[in-house]
Amino acid sequence: MVATPFTVDLNKPLVFQVGHLGKAYDDWVHKPIVSKEGPRFFANDFLEFLTRTKWWVIPMVWLPVICWLVSLSVRMGLTPPQAVLTVVGGIFIWTLMEYLLHRFLFHIKTKSYCANTLHYLLHGCHHKHPMDGLRLVFPPAATAILCVPLWNLFKLLTPPSITPALFGGTLLGYVMYDCTHYYLHHGKPSKGYSHDLKRYHLNHHFRVQSEGFGITSSLWDRVFGTLPSTKVA
C-alpha cells in the first residue's frame, strides 16, 4: 500500500504542519507564494504575535545599544578615530557572517520533523512567503539571545577596550542588513546600486536559490564562487 504524501493546509497554522513533509519539505519551501498577506504560524495568539515584527523596530531597538557600546570603548581608552575604524571592522565581520549564515545555516537541507519545523521558523517561511513584511526582519528578543554567545566570543578574542566597539560595529552591520533586506523586498528603486541589488536578491528567491547568498553586497559570493551566472541573473 502506497502512503499518501502529506499536504500542507495553507488555511491552518503552518508551523506544526511543515515537519510532516519529510524529504519533500525542501522542494515545498522553495516554491514561493507571492502575497503580502502572510500565513498564520500558530493557533495561539501570543505565539503568533511574537513572530511578527515591523522593520522599524530593528533600528529603534538596536541603534541606542550600538551607541552605548561604542561609547564604552571610548571611555576605556579608544580615540574617536580608533573607535570608528573598529566599528567599520565590525561591519566587515558582519558581511562575512551574513554570507556564512545564509549559505550554510539558512539553506541547510532538512528532512526530520524537528529540523523542518526549526528551519521553517528560521528562514524557510521567508522563502515560502517572500513578501510577508512582518516576518522579514529578525525579532529583537531572538537577536538578543543569539548576541550572548557572540559577545562572549568577542570578549575571548579581543582586548577589553576593543570588544564593545567591535561588537557594536557587528551589530550595526546586522541592522543595516535587516533594513536593506526589507527594502529589497518592499522598496521600489528605479536605478543605481539599490536597483541592481534588488534584482540580485530576487534572483536568489525566484530563480537560483542555491547561489547569490549575499544580501547587502555580492562580495562574498564572488570570493567563494556562488555568484549566479550573468545569463541566469
Protein backbone atom coordinates (compact mmCIF):
# COMPACT_ATOMS: atom_id res chain seq x y z
CA MET A 1 0.00 0.00 0.00
CA VAL A 2 1.45 3.37 -1.06
CA ALA A 3 1.42 6.05 1.62
CA THR A 4 -0.36 9.28 0.67
CA PRO A 5 2.07 12.25 0.62
CA PHE A 6 1.39 14.82 3.34
CA THR A 7 -0.25 18.02 2.11
CA VAL A 8 0.09 21.33 3.94
CA ASP A 9 -3.21 23.14 4.53
CA LEU A 10 -2.42 26.83 4.00
CA ASN A 11 -5.65 27.83 5.74
CA LYS A 12 -4.42 26.38 9.04
CA PRO A 13 -1.43 27.38 11.23
CA LEU A 14 1.67 26.18 9.39
CA VAL A 15 4.50 25.70 11.87
CA PHE A 16 3.44 22.31 13.24
CA GLN A 17 2.44 21.06 9.79
CA VAL A 18 5.64 21.53 7.78
CA GLY A 19 7.63 18.95 9.74
CA HIS A 20 5.37 16.21 8.39
CA LEU A 21 6.59 16.90 4.83
CA GLY A 22 9.79 14.96 5.49
CA LYS A 23 12.09 14.88 2.47
CA ALA A 24 9.50 16.80 0.44
CA TYR A 25 9.94 19.87 2.68
CA ASP A 26 12.90 21.30 0.77
CA ASP A 27 11.06 21.24 -2.54
CA TRP A 28 7.87 22.65 -0.97
CA VAL A 29 9.54 25.53 0.87
CA HIS A 30 11.40 26.69 -2.23
CA LYS A 31 8.24 27.16 -4.28
CA PRO A 32 7.32 30.72 -3.22
CA ILE A 33 3.83 32.09 -2.75
CA VAL A 34 3.87 35.78 -3.69
CA SER A 35 1.41 37.58 -1.42
CA LYS A 36 1.81 40.48 1.02
CA GLU A 37 -0.55 38.68 3.39
CA GLY A 38 1.47 36.24 5.43
CA PRO A 39 0.17 32.89 6.70
CA ARG A 40 -0.73 32.12 10.28
CA PHE A 41 2.04 30.31 12.13
CA PHE A 42 0.44 29.35 15.45
CA ALA A 43 -3.07 28.81 16.77
CA ASN A 44 -2.02 30.59 19.99
CA ASP A 45 -2.43 34.37 19.59
CA PHE A 46 0.54 35.26 21.82
CA LEU A 47 2.94 32.98 19.95
CA GLU A 48 1.59 34.36 16.69
CA PHE A 49 2.25 37.92 17.91
CA LEU A 50 5.89 37.05 18.69
CA THR A 51 6.50 36.03 15.06
CA ARG A 52 5.57 39.45 13.64
CA THR A 53 7.99 42.41 13.66
CA LYS A 54 7.78 45.80 11.91
CA TRP A 55 11.04 46.70 10.13
CA TRP A 56 11.49 49.99 12.02
CA VAL A 57 11.63 48.16 15.36
CA ILE A 58 15.13 46.90 14.46
CA PRO A 59 16.91 50.31 14.29
CA MET A 60 14.75 51.67 17.12
CA VAL A 61 15.89 48.89 19.48
CA TRP A 62 19.49 48.37 18.41
CA LEU A 63 20.89 51.78 17.43
CA PRO A 64 20.86 53.06 21.06
CA VAL A 65 22.61 49.83 22.13
CA ILE A 66 25.24 50.33 19.41
CA CYS A 67 25.89 53.93 20.51
CA TRP A 68 26.26 52.79 24.12
CA LEU A 69 28.72 50.05 23.15
CA VAL A 70 30.90 52.44 21.15
CA SER A 71 30.86 54.96 23.99
CA LEU A 72 32.08 52.21 26.32
CA SER A 73 35.15 51.66 24.16
CA VAL A 74 35.85 55.40 24.04
CA ARG A 75 35.62 55.64 27.83
CA MET A 76 38.01 52.68 28.06
CA GLY A 77 40.67 54.49 26.04
CA LEU A 78 39.91 54.30 22.30
CA THR A 79 40.24 57.59 20.45
CA PRO A 80 37.27 58.56 18.23
CA PRO A 81 39.19 57.65 15.01
CA GLN A 82 40.13 54.28 16.53
CA ALA A 83 36.52 53.70 17.54
CA VAL A 84 35.31 54.48 14.00
CA LEU A 85 37.82 52.06 12.47
CA THR A 86 36.82 49.39 14.97
CA VAL A 87 33.14 49.86 14.10
CA VAL A 88 33.98 49.57 10.39
CA GLY A 89 35.84 46.36 11.19
CA GLY A 90 32.74 45.05 12.95
CA ILE A 91 30.59 45.85 9.91
CA PHE A 92 33.04 43.93 7.74
CA ILE A 93 32.85 40.95 10.12
CA TRP A 94 29.06 41.04 9.81
CA THR A 95 29.19 40.87 6.00
CA LEU A 96 31.04 37.56 6.26
CA MET A 97 28.69 36.30 8.98
CA GLU A 98 25.72 37.28 6.82
CA TYR A 99 27.02 35.20 3.93
CA LEU A 100 28.03 32.17 6.01
CA LEU A 101 24.79 32.07 8.00
CA HIS A 102 22.68 32.43 4.87
CA ARG A 103 24.55 29.81 2.91
CA PHE A 104 25.29 27.13 5.50
CA LEU A 105 22.54 27.52 8.12
CA PHE A 106 19.56 29.13 6.41
CA HIS A 107 19.90 26.84 3.39
CA ILE A 108 20.71 23.64 5.20
CA LYS A 109 18.86 20.57 3.87
CA THR A 110 16.43 19.08 6.40
CA LYS A 111 14.03 16.14 6.43
CA SER A 112 13.17 15.27 10.05
CA TYR A 113 10.08 16.71 11.72
CA CYS A 114 12.01 18.86 14.21
CA ALA A 115 14.62 20.05 11.69
CA ASN A 116 11.96 21.02 9.13
CA THR A 117 10.00 22.90 11.78
CA LEU A 118 13.05 24.80 13.07
CA HIS A 119 14.22 25.61 9.55
CA TYR A 120 10.80 26.93 8.60
CA LEU A 121 10.80 29.25 11.62
CA LEU A 122 14.37 30.39 10.96
CA HIS A 123 14.33 31.01 7.21
CA GLY A 124 12.03 28.66 5.33
CA CYS A 125 9.00 30.86 5.99
CA HIS A 126 10.75 33.72 4.21
CA HIS A 127 11.40 31.67 1.09
CA LYS A 128 7.85 30.30 1.06
CA HIS A 129 6.27 33.74 1.61
CA PRO A 130 8.97 36.22 0.50
CA MET A 131 6.68 39.26 0.54
CA ASP A 132 5.45 38.79 4.12
CA GLY A 133 6.62 42.13 5.52
CA LEU A 134 6.03 41.22 9.15
CA ARG A 135 8.31 38.18 9.07
CA LEU A 136 11.21 39.63 7.13
CA VAL A 137 13.34 41.07 9.95
CA PHE A 138 14.57 39.11 12.96
CA PRO A 139 12.61 39.67 16.24
CA PRO A 140 14.76 41.61 18.75
CA ALA A 141 14.21 39.06 21.53
CA ALA A 142 15.65 36.29 19.38
CA THR A 143 18.55 38.53 18.32
CA ALA A 144 19.34 39.32 21.96
CA ILE A 145 19.57 35.60 22.78
CA LEU A 146 21.95 35.00 19.87
CA CYS A 147 24.05 38.01 20.88
CA VAL A 148 25.08 36.41 24.17
CA PRO A 149 27.44 33.73 22.77
CA LEU A 150 28.73 36.14 20.13
CA TRP A 151 29.56 38.75 22.78
CA ASN A 152 31.39 36.15 24.84
CA LEU A 153 33.38 35.09 21.77
CA PHE A 154 34.38 38.71 21.10
CA LYS A 155 35.42 39.10 24.75
CA LEU A 156 37.58 36.00 24.46
CA LEU A 157 39.34 37.07 21.25
CA THR A 158 39.74 40.85 21.56
CA PRO A 159 41.23 43.37 24.05
CA PRO A 160 38.71 44.81 26.55
CA SER A 161 38.75 48.31 25.02
CA ILE A 162 38.15 46.93 21.52
CA THR A 163 35.37 44.46 22.35
CA PRO A 164 32.38 46.83 22.80
CA ALA A 165 33.05 48.90 19.65
CA LEU A 166 33.80 45.83 17.53
CA PHE A 167 30.65 44.12 18.75
CA GLY A 168 28.71 47.35 18.21
CA GLY A 169 30.00 47.53 14.64
CA THR A 170 28.95 43.95 14.00
CA LEU A 171 25.53 44.75 15.43
CA LEU A 172 25.36 47.84 13.20
CA GLY A 173 26.15 45.63 10.22
CA TYR A 174 23.23 43.43 11.24
CA VAL A 175 20.86 46.43 11.47
CA MET A 176 21.98 47.60 8.03
CA TYR A 177 21.42 44.07 6.72
CA ASP A 178 17.89 43.75 8.11
CA CYS A 179 16.81 47.19 6.87
CA THR A 180 18.41 46.59 3.46
CA HIS A 181 16.74 43.19 3.21
CA TYR A 182 13.34 44.71 3.92
CA TYR A 183 13.93 47.43 1.31
CA LEU A 184 14.98 44.92 -1.32
CA HIS A 185 11.61 43.19 -0.94
CA HIS A 186 9.32 46.17 -0.44
CA GLY A 187 11.17 49.22 -1.77
CA LYS A 188 10.96 50.32 -5.40
CA PRO A 189 14.41 51.54 -6.52
CA SER A 190 14.34 52.67 -10.15
CA LYS A 191 18.07 52.65 -10.90
CA GLY A 192 21.57 52.50 -9.46
CA TYR A 193 23.14 50.18 -6.93
CA SER A 194 19.95 49.58 -4.93
CA HIS A 195 18.09 48.57 -8.10
CA ASP A 196 20.84 46.13 -9.07
CA LEU A 197 20.94 44.72 -5.54
CA LYS A 198 17.17 44.19 -5.57
CA ARG A 199 17.39 42.27 -8.85
CA TYR A 200 20.31 40.26 -7.44
CA HIS A 201 18.40 39.27 -4.32
CA LEU A 202 15.10 38.50 -6.03
CA ASN A 203 17.06 36.30 -8.44
CA HIS A 204 18.06 34.28 -5.37
CA HIS A 205 14.43 33.90 -4.35
CA PHE A 206 12.79 33.15 -7.68
CA ARG A 207 15.43 31.62 -9.95
CA VAL A 208 18.62 30.23 -8.41
CA GLN A 209 18.19 29.64 -4.69
CA SER A 210 21.48 27.75 -4.40
CA GLU A 211 23.55 30.87 -5.26
CA GLY A 212 23.56 34.59 -4.51
CA PHE A 213 23.67 34.39 -0.71
CA GLY A 214 24.85 37.97 -0.14
CA ILE A 215 22.15 40.46 0.87
CA THR A 216 23.95 43.77 1.37
CA SER A 217 26.54 43.01 -1.33
CA SER A 218 27.77 40.28 -3.65
CA LEU A 219 31.33 40.46 -2.25
CA TRP A 220 31.47 37.04 -0.58
CA ASP A 221 29.57 35.36 -3.42
CA ARG A 222 32.44 36.48 -5.65
CA VAL A 223 35.07 35.30 -3.17
CA PHE A 224 33.51 31.85 -2.61
CA GLY A 225 32.26 31.19 -6.14
CA THR A 226 28.50 31.37 -5.53
CA LEU A 227 27.86 34.32 -7.83
CA PRO A 228 24.97 33.49 -10.20
CA SER A 229 25.88 33.45 -13.88
CA THR A 230 25.10 36.61 -15.84
CA LYS A 231 22.63 34.73 -18.08
CA VAL A 232 20.60 33.50 -15.11
CA ALA A 233 20.66 36.84 -13.30
